[in-house]
């Protein structure tokens, strides 16, 4: 069995936290039941990336995917929006992708 989504996200967040020009945080989306039991409350933007932040003055979005999981239609739209507006977008599927993302953000590879 491969790495869990939550573990890969934590590893990515820890790696990003070591970059001087980057601030990143966990970005949750979902639905929760109201405490009074009268319906649900939605939170977060559906399709937004698992990790968001700022790197080098640009908006940063990092999507975590494991196994054969692919981007959903709303995630593709979010990715396209971030890129079209000059933001940075990365898809991380394994620890090697984390290393490559860090290299790009630190200017080691274009």
Protein backbone atom coordinates (compact mmCIF):
# COMPACT_ATOMS: atom_id res chain seq x y z
CA UNK A 1 0.00 0.00 0.00
CA UNK A 2 1.28 3.48 -0.87
CA UNK A 3 1.44 6.61 1.21
CA UNK A 4 -1.78 8.07 2.57
CA UNK A 5 -3.09 11.37 1.20
CA UNK A 6 -2.89 13.01 4.63
CA UNK A 7 0.71 11.88 5.17
CA UNK A 8 1.83 13.15 1.76
CA UNK A 9 0.13 16.48 2.44
CA UNK A 10 1.90 16.81 5.80
CA UNK A 11 5.26 16.03 4.17
CA UNK A 12 4.59 18.66 1.49
CA UNK A 13 3.59 21.28 4.08
CA UNK A 14 6.72 20.58 6.14
CA UNK A 15 8.96 20.88 3.07
CA UNK A 16 7.26 24.13 1.99
CA UNK A 17 7.64 25.57 5.50
CA UNK A 18 11.43 25.42 5.14
CA UNK A 19 11.45 27.84 2.18
CA UNK A 20 12.18 31.42 3.24
CA UNK A 21 10.04 32.99 0.51
CA UNK A 22 7.02 30.72 0.99
CA UNK A 23 4.08 30.53 3.37
CA UNK A 24 1.62 27.68 2.86
CA UNK A 25 -1.27 26.19 4.78
CA UNK A 26 -3.77 23.36 4.68
CA UNK A 27 -6.92 24.20 2.74
CA UNK A 28 -9.92 22.07 3.68
CA UNK A 29 -13.27 21.85 1.94
CA UNK A 30 -16.31 19.88 2.97
CA UNK A 31 -19.65 19.75 4.70
CA UNK A 32 -20.38 19.66 8.42
CA UNK A 33 -23.62 19.13 10.28
CA UNK A 34 -24.92 22.10 12.23
CA UNK A 35 -24.81 21.64 15.99
CA UNK A 36 -28.54 22.31 16.23
CA UNK A 37 -29.17 19.50 13.72
CA UNK A 38 -30.95 21.84 11.30
CA UNK A 39 -29.00 21.18 8.14
CA UNK A 40 -25.42 21.31 7.00
CA UNK A 41 -22.79 23.97 6.53
CA UNK A 42 -20.44 23.90 3.55
CA UNK A 43 -16.93 25.31 3.94
CA UNK A 44 -14.08 26.00 1.57
CA UNK A 45 -14.12 26.43 -2.19
CA UNK A 46 -14.98 23.19 -4.00
CA UNK A 47 -12.14 22.33 -6.36
CA UNK A 48 -9.53 24.44 -4.60
CA UNK A 49 -6.17 22.84 -3.88
CA UNK A 50 -5.24 20.92 -0.74
CA UNK A 51 -2.49 23.42 0.06
CA UNK A 52 -2.57 27.13 -0.72
CA UNK A 53 -0.22 29.95 0.09
CA UNK A 54 2.22 32.52 -1.28
CA UNK A 55 5.66 31.92 -2.74
CA UNK A 56 7.89 34.66 -4.06
CA UNK A 57 4.95 37.06 -4.09
CA UNK A 58 2.76 34.73 -6.16
CA UNK A 59 -0.30 32.73 -5.17
CA UNK A 60 0.63 29.08 -4.62
CA UNK A 61 -1.68 26.09 -5.07
CA UNK A 62 -0.60 22.50 -4.45
CA UNK A 63 -2.91 19.58 -5.17
CA UNK A 64 -2.14 16.24 -3.52
CA UNK A 65 -3.13 13.10 -5.43
CA UNK A 66 -2.30 9.50 -4.69
CA UNK A 67 -2.56 6.32 -6.70
CA UNK A 68 -4.67 6.56 -9.83
CA UNK A 69 -6.72 9.51 -8.54
CA UNK A 70 -7.13 12.23 -11.18
CA UNK A 71 -8.13 15.89 -11.01
CA UNK A 72 -11.88 16.38 -10.84
CA UNK A 73 -13.56 18.90 -13.20
CA UNK A 74 -13.73 21.62 -10.49
CA UNK A 75 -10.05 21.03 -9.66
CA UNK A 76 -9.11 21.42 -13.32
CA UNK A 77 -11.00 24.74 -13.44
CA UNK A 78 -9.22 25.91 -10.27
CA UNK A 79 -5.82 24.92 -11.73
CA UNK A 80 -6.55 26.76 -14.99
CA UNK A 81 -7.67 29.86 -13.08
CA UNK A 82 -4.53 29.95 -10.92
CA UNK A 83 -2.21 29.52 -13.91
CA UNK A 84 -4.12 32.06 -16.07
CA UNK A 85 -3.79 34.67 -13.32
CA UNK A 86 -0.04 34.17 -12.96
CA UNK A 87 -0.12 31.90 -9.91
CA UNK A 88 1.96 28.81 -9.23
CA UNK A 89 0.33 25.38 -9.41
CA UNK A 90 1.82 21.99 -8.54
CA UNK A 91 0.41 18.48 -8.44
CA UNK A 92 2.15 16.19 -5.96
CA UNK A 93 1.75 12.40 -6.17
CA UNK A 94 4.83 11.20 -4.29
CA UNK A 95 7.84 12.35 -2.31
CA UNK A 96 9.83 12.90 -5.52
CA UNK A 97 7.23 15.44 -6.61
CA UNK A 98 7.71 17.24 -3.30
CA UNK A 99 11.46 17.45 -3.94
CA UNK A 100 10.90 18.77 -7.48
CA UNK A 101 8.37 21.35 -6.26
CA UNK A 102 10.84 22.60 -3.66
CA UNK A 103 13.58 22.83 -6.30
CA UNK A 104 11.33 24.88 -8.60
CA UNK A 105 10.22 27.21 -5.80
CA UNK A 106 13.78 27.70 -4.55
CA UNK A 107 15.00 28.50 -8.08
CA UNK A 108 17.14 25.39 -8.47
CA UNK A 109 15.25 24.35 -11.61
CA UNK A 110 13.13 26.54 -13.90
